[in-house]
Amino acid sequence: MRNRKQLLSLLILLVMVVGGSLFLLDSGFFAAAASPEALRTYIDRFAPYSHLCFFLVQLLSVVLAPIPSNITAAAGGMLFGTWPSFFLTFAAVAAGSLLVFWLARVLGRTFVDRLVSRRLSEKYLDVIHTKTTAFLSLAFLFPYFPDDVLCILAGLTNISFRRFAVILLLTRPWGLLFASALGGASFSIPMWALALIGLGGLAAFVLGMKYGDRLEQAILHRLRERRER
């Protein structure tokens, strides 16, 4: 049974890598990924299938291209508006994140080493193993972590697929919504406010890493108490 899963996973991966790479290279995606404006022009070329192209680019970038999803979400916001960009981005990012987690879980370290550099693996894998829930929740909430890489590495830990999916669905939408709204000109933020948000996020991350396990245990304890009443 496991061999069949591995064979299916390898087939899915092969199709995505070969087909996706050819599509992205031939269409000029990597050259356009330098800025949200260039990505907007790139996606707009595929009209009237721009929405489908945007979804596929977002999905493939999770697996194949180290392009932050926030950049492409901002480009989508410029092109489609805040909410269409957000829903398309989140659907693609969630699907891609769950896919790479599953592939890492089934194919193991050999697959991970082909997609993630040794430097990033050594940097994040230990902390993911020791503080899986707290670290992933905080890292997905803040924009300065390589979310796609963390999804792959999480597949090597003992976290269940269901638990990972819940963390993903609860934490990853907010940064994507922010980027889509920024690209869609729903609001604008001055640099000093962005700096304050960044500092606040960093402080929250540090506190979360230090006290996240206690908070998680307290919440679980409270839920057990309610269940036993």
C-alpha atoms as a PDB file:
ATOM      1  CA  MET A   1       0.000   0.000   0.000  1.00  0.00           C
ATOM      2  CA  ARG A   2       2.818   2.372   0.938  1.00  0.00           C
ATOM      3  CA  ASN A   3       4.626   1.626  -2.329  1.00  0.00           C
ATOM      4  CA  ARG A   4       1.481   2.528  -4.274  1.00  0.00           C
ATOM      5  CA  LYS A   5       1.220   5.830  -2.380  1.00  0.00           C
ATOM      6  CA  GLN A   6       4.853   6.596  -3.098  1.00  0.00           C
ATOM      7  CA  LEU A   7       4.426   5.765  -6.791  1.00  0.00           C
ATOM      8  CA  LEU A   8       1.327   7.987  -7.025  1.00  0.00           C
ATOM      9  CA  SER A   9       3.134  10.788  -5.199  1.00  0.00           C
ATOM     10  CA  LEU A  10       6.127  10.545  -7.516  1.00  0.00           C
ATOM     11  CA  LEU A  11       3.848  10.626 -10.562  1.00  0.00           C
ATOM     12  CA  ILE A  12       2.028  13.736  -9.279  1.00  0.00           C
ATOM     13  CA  LEU A  13       5.336  15.382  -8.490  1.00  0.00           C
ATOM     14  CA  LEU A  14       6.802  14.536 -11.898  1.00  0.00           C
ATOM     15  CA  VAL A  15       3.803  15.949 -13.754  1.00  0.00           C
ATOM     16  CA  MET A  16       3.844  19.127 -11.685  1.00  0.00           C
ATOM     17  CA  VAL A  17       7.596  19.674 -11.906  1.00  0.00           C
ATOM     18  CA  VAL A  18       7.957  18.999 -15.627  1.00  0.00           C
ATOM     19  CA  GLY A  19       4.689  20.507 -16.803  1.00  0.00           C
ATOM     20  CA  GLY A  20       4.746  23.393 -14.351  1.00  0.00           C
ATOM     21  CA  SER A  21       8.370  24.298 -15.034  1.00  0.00           C
ATOM     22  CA  LEU A  22       7.835  24.296 -18.786  1.00  0.00           C
ATOM     23  CA  PHE A  23       4.745  26.481 -18.422  1.00  0.00           C
ATOM     24  CA  LEU A  24       6.424  28.995 -16.110  1.00  0.00           C
ATOM     25  CA  LEU A  25       9.608  29.192 -18.177  1.00  0.00           C
ATOM     26  CA  ASP A  26       7.878  29.414 -21.538  1.00  0.00           C
ATOM     27  CA  SER A  27       5.369  32.014 -20.356  1.00  0.00           C
ATOM     28  CA  GLY A  28       8.015  34.297 -18.838  1.00  0.00           C
ATOM     29  CA  PHE A  29       6.831  33.996 -15.237  1.00  0.00           C
ATOM     30  CA  PHE A  30      10.276  34.143 -13.614  1.00  0.00           C
ATOM     31  CA  ALA A  31      11.171  37.334 -15.446  1.00  0.00           C
ATOM     32  CA  ALA A  32       7.855  38.881 -14.391  1.00  0.00           C
ATOM     33  CA  ALA A  33       8.219  37.873 -10.726  1.00  0.00           C
ATOM     34  CA  ALA A  34      10.419  40.864  -9.914  1.00  0.00           C
ATOM     35  CA  SER A  35       7.518  43.079  -8.838  1.00  0.00           C
ATOM     36  CA  PRO A  36       3.718  43.072  -8.376  1.00  0.00           C
ATOM     37  CA  GLU A  37       3.366  45.432 -11.345  1.00  0.00           C
ATOM     38  CA  ALA A  38       5.270  43.074 -13.662  1.00  0.00           C
ATOM     39  CA  LEU A  39       3.231  40.124 -12.410  1.00  0.00           C
ATOM     40  CA  ARG A  40       0.041  42.056 -13.049  1.00  0.00           C
ATOM     41  CA  THR A  41       1.076  42.614 -16.672  1.00  0.00           C
ATOM     42  CA  TYR A  42       2.072  38.955 -16.997  1.00  0.00           C
ATOM     43  CA  ILE A  43      -1.270  37.634 -15.700  1.00  0.00           C
ATOM     44  CA  ASP A  44      -3.287  40.147 -17.726  1.00  0.00           C
ATOM     45  CA  ARG A  45      -1.779  38.682 -20.927  1.00  0.00           C
ATOM     46  CA  PHE A  46      -3.853  35.519 -20.448  1.00  0.00           C
ATOM     47  CA  ALA A  47      -7.254  37.253 -20.663  1.00  0.00           C
ATOM     48  CA  PRO A  48      -9.995  36.038 -20.791  1.00  0.00           C
ATOM     49  CA  TYR A  49      -8.441  33.214 -18.725  1.00  0.00           C
ATOM     50  CA  SER A  50      -6.577  35.500 -16.351  1.00  0.00           C
ATOM     51  CA  HIS A  51      -8.309  34.123 -13.254  1.00  0.00           C
ATOM     52  CA  LEU A  52      -7.377  30.548 -14.143  1.00  0.00           C
ATOM     53  CA  CYS A  53      -3.816  31.577 -14.976  1.00  0.00           C
ATOM     54  CA  PHE A  54      -3.532  33.418 -11.654  1.00  0.00           C
ATOM     55  CA  PHE A  55      -4.739  30.360  -9.734  1.00  0.00           C
ATOM     56  CA  LEU A  56      -2.313  28.029 -11.536  1.00  0.00           C
ATOM     57  CA  VAL A  57       0.620  30.395 -11.032  1.00  0.00           C
ATOM     58  CA  GLN A  58      -0.159  30.641  -7.320  1.00  0.00           C
ATOM     59  CA  LEU A  59      -0.449  26.862  -7.022  1.00  0.00           C
ATOM     60  CA  LEU A  60       2.750  26.149  -8.951  1.00  0.00           C
ATOM     61  CA  SER A  61       4.724  28.807  -7.096  1.00  0.00           C
ATOM     62  CA  VAL A  62       4.103  26.983  -3.805  1.00  0.00           C
ATOM     63  CA  VAL A  63       5.783  23.868  -5.188  1.00  0.00           C
ATOM     64  CA  LEU A  64       8.239  25.101  -7.790  1.00  0.00           C
ATOM     65  CA  ALA A  65       9.113  28.764  -7.349  1.00  0.00           C
ATOM     66  CA  PRO A  66      10.344  30.489  -4.175  1.00  0.00           C
ATOM     67  CA  ILE A  67       8.122  33.522  -4.843  1.00  0.00           C
ATOM     68  CA  PRO A  68       6.365  34.831  -1.701  1.00  0.00           C
ATOM     69  CA  SER A  69       2.614  34.417  -2.078  1.00  0.00           C
ATOM     70  CA  ASN A  70       2.087  37.935  -0.723  1.00  0.00           C
ATOM     71  CA  ILE A  71       3.733  39.409  -3.827  1.00  0.00           C
ATOM     72  CA  THR A  72       1.496  37.507  -6.215  1.00  0.00           C
ATOM     73  CA  ALA A  73      -1.525  38.275  -4.033  1.00  0.00           C
ATOM     74  CA  ALA A  74      -0.748  41.990  -4.307  1.00  0.00           C
ATOM     75  CA  ALA A  75      -0.485  41.634  -8.092  1.00  0.00           C
ATOM     76  CA  GLY A  76      -3.837  39.858  -8.130  1.00  0.00           C
ATOM     77  CA  GLY A  77      -5.335  42.653  -6.043  1.00  0.00           C
ATOM     78  CA  MET A  78      -4.222  45.192  -8.656  1.00  0.00           C
ATOM     79  CA  LEU A  79      -5.727  43.137 -11.450  1.00  0.00           C
ATOM     80  CA  PHE A  80      -8.904  41.606 -10.014  1.00  0.00           C
ATOM     81  CA  GLY A  81      -9.631  43.567  -6.837  1.00  0.00           C
ATOM     82  CA  THR A  82      -9.221  42.581  -3.207  1.00  0.00           C
ATOM     83  CA  TRP A  83     -11.698  39.749  -2.741  1.00  0.00           C
ATOM     84  CA  PRO A  84     -11.256  37.834  -6.021  1.00  0.00           C
ATOM     85  CA  SER A  85      -7.494  37.975  -5.515  1.00  0.00           C
ATOM     86  CA  PHE A  86      -7.782  36.794  -1.915  1.00  0.00           C
ATOM     87  CA  PHE A  87     -10.072  33.843  -2.609  1.00  0.00           C
ATOM     88  CA  LEU A  88      -8.070  32.674  -5.630  1.00  0.00           C
ATOM     89  CA  THR A  89      -4.779  33.067  -3.772  1.00  0.00           C
ATOM     90  CA  PHE A  90      -5.941  31.345  -0.619  1.00  0.00           C
ATOM     91  CA  ALA A  91      -7.480  28.427  -2.514  1.00  0.00           C
ATOM     92  CA  ALA A  92      -4.269  27.917  -4.510  1.00  0.00           C
ATOM     93  CA  VAL A  93      -1.930  28.382  -1.545  1.00  0.00           C
ATOM     94  CA  ALA A  94      -3.954  26.061   0.687  1.00  0.00           C
ATOM     95  CA  ALA A  95      -4.097  23.359  -2.000  1.00  0.00           C
ATOM     96  CA  GLY A  96      -0.384  23.695  -2.767  1.00  0.00           C
ATOM     97  CA  SER A  97       0.619  23.709   0.905  1.00  0.00           C
ATOM     98  CA  LEU A  98      -1.395  20.581   1.689  1.00  0.00           C
ATOM     99  CA  LEU A  99       0.024  18.905  -1.409  1.00  0.00           C
ATOM    100  CA  VAL A 100       3.690  19.531  -0.532  1.00  0.00           C
ATOM    101  CA  PHE A 101       3.049  18.486   3.080  1.00  0.00           C
ATOM    102  CA  TRP A 102       1.551  15.219   1.846  1.00  0.00           C
ATOM    103  CA  LEU A 103       4.366  14.625  -0.633  1.00  0.00           C
ATOM    104  CA  ALA A 104       6.963  15.196   2.091  1.00  0.00           C
ATOM    105  CA  ARG A 105       5.100  12.853   4.427  1.00  0.00           C
ATOM    106  CA  VAL A 106       4.913  10.074   1.828  1.00  0.00           C
ATOM    107  CA  LEU A 107       8.276  10.494   0.062  1.00  0.00           C
ATOM    108  CA  GLY A 108      10.371  11.491   3.065  1.00  0.00           C
ATOM    109  CA  ARG A 109      13.700  13.248   3.386  1.00  0.00           C
ATOM    110  CA  THR A 110      14.897  12.485  -0.155  1.00  0.00           C
ATOM    111  CA  PHE A 111      12.026  14.508  -1.616  1.00  0.00           C
ATOM    112  CA  VAL A 112      12.514  17.341   0.885  1.00  0.00           C
ATOM    113  CA  ASP A 113      16.231  17.615   0.166  1.00  0.00           C
ATOM    114  CA  ARG A 114      15.489  18.149  -3.529  1.00  0.00           C
ATOM    115  CA  LEU A 115      13.265  21.159  -2.803  1.00  0.00           C
ATOM    116  CA  VAL A 116      14.711  22.679   0.376  1.00  0.00           C
ATOM    117  CA  SER A 117      18.334  23.731   0.783  1.00  0.00           C
ATOM    118  CA  ARG A 118      20.357  22.166   3.557  1.00  0.00           C
ATOM    119  CA  ARG A 119      20.801  25.621   5.122  1.00  0.00           C
ATOM    120  CA  LEU A 120      17.047  26.187   5.460  1.00  0.00           C
ATOM    121  CA  SER A 121      16.467  22.635   6.693  1.00  0.00           C
ATOM    122  CA  GLU A 122      19.045  23.043   9.439  1.00  0.00           C
ATOM    123  CA  LYS A 123      17.686  26.477  10.317  1.00  0.00           C
ATOM    124  CA  TYR A 124      14.041  25.487  10.782  1.00  0.00           C
ATOM    125  CA  LEU A 125      13.663  21.724  11.149  1.00  0.00           C
ATOM    126  CA  ASP A 126      14.747  21.436  14.790  1.00  0.00           C
ATOM    127  CA  VAL A 127      12.409  24.158  15.997  1.00  0.00           C
ATOM    128  CA  ILE A 128       9.545  22.706  13.929  1.00  0.00           C
ATOM    129  CA  HIS A 129      10.135  19.329  15.591  1.00  0.00           C
ATOM    130  CA  THR A 130      10.206  20.751  19.122  1.00  0.00           C
ATOM    131  CA  LYS A 131       7.522  23.468  18.867  1.00  0.00           C
ATOM    132  CA  THR A 132       5.496  22.322  15.886  1.00  0.00           C
ATOM    133  CA  THR A 133       2.090  23.871  16.558  1.00  0.00           C
ATOM    134  CA  ALA A 134       3.306  27.125  18.128  1.00  0.00           C
ATOM    135  CA  PHE A 135       6.013  27.760  15.552  1.00  0.00           C
ATOM    136  CA  LEU A 136       3.914  26.984  12.474  1.00  0.00           C
ATOM    137  CA  SER A 137       0.992  29.062  13.753  1.00  0.00           C
ATOM    138  CA  LEU A 138       3.190  32.104  14.366  1.00  0.00           C
ATOM    139  CA  ALA A 139       5.292  31.675  11.229  1.00  0.00           C
ATOM    140  CA  PHE A 140       2.209  31.467   9.006  1.00  0.00           C
ATOM    141  CA  LEU A 141       0.799  34.609  10.589  1.00  0.00           C
ATOM    142  CA  PHE A 142       3.819  36.791   9.833  1.00  0.00           C
ATOM    143  CA  PRO A 143       5.177  37.591   6.367  1.00  0.00           C
ATOM    144  CA  TYR A 144       8.925  37.239   6.963  1.00  0.00           C
ATOM    145  CA  PHE A 145       9.049  33.426   7.064  1.00  0.00           C
ATOM    146  CA  PRO A 146       9.314  31.061   4.062  1.00  0.00           C
ATOM    147  CA  ASP A 147       5.831  29.592   4.466  1.00  0.00           C
ATOM    148  CA  ASP A 148       6.070  27.190   1.543  1.00  0.00           C
ATOM    149  CA  VAL A 149       9.356  25.767   2.813  1.00  0.00           C
ATOM    150  CA  LEU A 150       7.882  25.324   6.287  1.00  0.00           C
ATOM    151  CA  CYS A 151       4.942  23.377   4.824  1.00  0.00           C
ATOM    152  CA  ILE A 152       7.384  20.960   3.216  1.00  0.00           C
ATOM    153  CA  LEU A 153       9.473  20.562   6.359  1.00  0.00           C
ATOM    154  CA  ALA A 154       6.348  20.053   8.477  1.00  0.00           C
ATOM    155  CA  GLY A 155       5.722  16.879   6.486  1.00  0.00           C
ATOM    156  CA  LEU A 156       8.785  15.357   8.180  1.00  0.00           C
ATOM    157  CA  THR A 157       7.393  15.891  11.682  1.00  0.00           C
ATOM    158  CA  ASN A 158       4.828  13.905  13.657  1.00  0.00           C
ATOM    159  CA  ILE A 159       2.053  16.474  13.234  1.00  0.00           C
ATOM    160  CA  SER A 160      -1.080  14.936  11.769  1.00  0.00           C
ATOM    161  CA  PHE A 161      -2.427  15.999   8.385  1.00  0.00           C
ATOM    162  CA  ARG A 162      -5.661  17.201  10.033  1.00  0.00           C
ATOM    163  CA  ARG A 163      -3.851  19.317  12.629  1.00  0.00           C
ATOM    164  CA  PHE A 164      -1.612  20.835   9.981  1.00  0.00           C
ATOM    165  CA  ALA A 165      -4.639  21.639   7.813  1.00  0.00           C
ATOM    166  CA  VAL A 166      -6.392  23.383  10.721  1.00  0.00           C
ATOM    167  CA  ILE A 167      -3.308  25.512  11.473  1.00  0.00           C
ATOM    168  CA  LEU A 168      -2.993  26.362   7.783  1.00  0.00           C
ATOM    169  CA  LEU A 169      -6.641  27.350   7.355  1.00  0.00           C
ATOM    170  CA  LEU A 170      -6.684  29.481  10.503  1.00  0.00           C
ATOM    171  CA  THR A 171      -3.413  31.350  10.067  1.00  0.00           C
ATOM    172  CA  ARG A 172      -2.425  31.730   6.417  1.00  0.00           C
ATOM    173  CA  PRO A 173      -5.453  33.726   5.149  1.00  0.00           C
ATOM    174  CA  TRP A 174      -4.655  36.941   7.022  1.00  0.00           C
ATOM    175  CA  GLY A 175      -1.369  37.847   5.361  1.00  0.00           C
ATOM    176  CA  LEU A 176      -2.840  36.998   1.958  1.00  0.00           C
ATOM    177  CA  LEU A 177      -5.908  39.153   2.650  1.00  0.00           C
ATOM    178  CA  PHE A 178      -3.664  42.027   3.721  1.00  0.00           C
ATOM    179  CA  ALA A 179      -1.559  41.744   0.547  1.00  0.00           C
ATOM    180  CA  SER A 180      -4.631  41.448  -1.695  1.00  0.00           C
ATOM    181  CA  ALA A 181      -6.201  44.525  -0.071  1.00  0.00           C
ATOM    182  CA  LEU A 182      -2.961  46.456  -0.419  1.00  0.00           C
ATOM    183  CA  GLY A 183      -2.711  45.535  -4.109  1.00  0.00           C
ATOM    184  CA  GLY A 184      -6.380  46.275  -4.654  1.00  0.00           C
ATOM    185  CA  ALA A 185      -5.902  49.757  -3.176  1.00  0.00           C
ATOM    186  CA  SER A 186      -8.523  49.072  -0.510  1.00  0.00           C
ATOM    187  CA  PHE A 187      -6.207  50.989   1.792  1.00  0.00           C
ATOM    188  CA  SER A 188      -2.665  52.313   1.926  1.00  0.00           C
ATOM    189  CA  ILE A 189      -0.200  52.165   4.819  1.00  0.00           C
ATOM    190  CA  PRO A 190       2.712  54.577   5.350  1.00  0.00           C
ATOM    191  CA  MET A 191       6.191  53.185   5.899  1.00  0.00           C
ATOM    192  CA  TRP A 192       6.268  54.135   9.591  1.00  0.00           C
ATOM    193  CA  ALA A 193       3.069  52.146  10.179  1.00  0.00           C
ATOM    194  CA  LEU A 194       4.501  49.132   8.333  1.00  0.00           C
ATOM    195  CA  ALA A 195       7.607  49.365  10.540  1.00  0.00           C
ATOM    196  CA  LEU A 196       5.436  49.401  13.682  1.00  0.00           C
ATOM    197  CA  ILE A 197       3.436  46.428  12.415  1.00  0.00           C
ATOM    198  CA  GLY A 198       6.688  44.577  11.730  1.00  0.00           C
ATOM    199  CA  LEU A 199       8.040  45.294  15.220  1.00  0.00           C
ATOM    200  CA  GLY A 200       4.745  44.278  16.794  1.00  0.00           C
ATOM    201  CA  GLY A 201       4.746  41.073  14.787  1.00  0.00           C
ATOM    202  CA  LEU A 202       8.307  40.287  15.819  1.00  0.00           C
ATOM    203  CA  ALA A 203       7.470  40.855  19.490  1.00  0.00           C
ATOM    204  CA  ALA A 204       4.385  38.641  19.199  1.00  0.00           C
ATOM    205  CA  PHE A 205       6.448  35.927  17.521  1.00  0.00           C
ATOM    206  CA  VAL A 206       9.129  35.947  20.242  1.00  0.00           C
ATOM    207  CA  LEU A 207       6.517  35.829  23.004  1.00  0.00           C
ATOM    208  CA  GLY A 208       4.631  33.100  21.179  1.00  0.00           C
ATOM    209  CA  MET A 209       7.746  30.953  20.815  1.00  0.00           C
ATOM    210  CA  LYS A 210       8.520  31.404  24.524  1.00  0.00           C
ATOM    211  CA  TYR A 211       5.035  30.911  25.945  1.00  0.00           C
ATOM    212  CA  GLY A 212       3.218  29.186  23.066  1.00  0.00           C
ATOM    213  CA  ASP A 213       3.466  25.705  24.580  1.00  0.00           C
ATOM    214  CA  ARG A 214       1.995  26.936  27.873  1.00  0.00           C
ATOM    215  CA  LEU A 215      -0.832  28.693  26.066  1.00  0.00           C
ATOM    216  CA  GLU A 216      -1.577  25.604  23.988  1.00  0.00           C
ATOM    217  CA  GLN A 217      -1.615  23.374  27.080  1.00  0.00           C
ATOM    218  CA  ALA A 218      -3.852  25.832  28.941  1.00  0.00           C
ATOM    219  CA  ILE A 219      -6.345  25.906  26.062  1.00  0.00           C
ATOM    220  CA  LEU A 220      -6.347  22.110  25.758  1.00  0.00           C
ATOM    221  CA  HIS A 221      -6.788  21.758  29.521  1.00  0.00           C
ATOM    222  CA  ARG A 222      -9.727  24.171  29.469  1.00  0.00           C
ATOM    223  CA  LEU A 223     -11.350  22.295  26.598  1.00  0.00           C
ATOM    224  CA  ARG A 224     -10.947  18.977  28.415  1.00  0.00           C
ATOM    225  CA  GLU A 225     -12.546  20.448  31.529  1.00  0.00           C
ATOM    226  CA  ARG A 226     -15.553  21.624  29.513  1.00  0.00           C
ATOM    227  CA  ARG A 227     -15.862  18.251  27.846  1.00  0.00           C
ATOM    228  CA  GLU A 228     -15.877  16.445  31.192  1.00  0.00           C
ATOM    229  CA  ARG A 229     -18.633  18.636  32.669  1.00  0.00           C
END
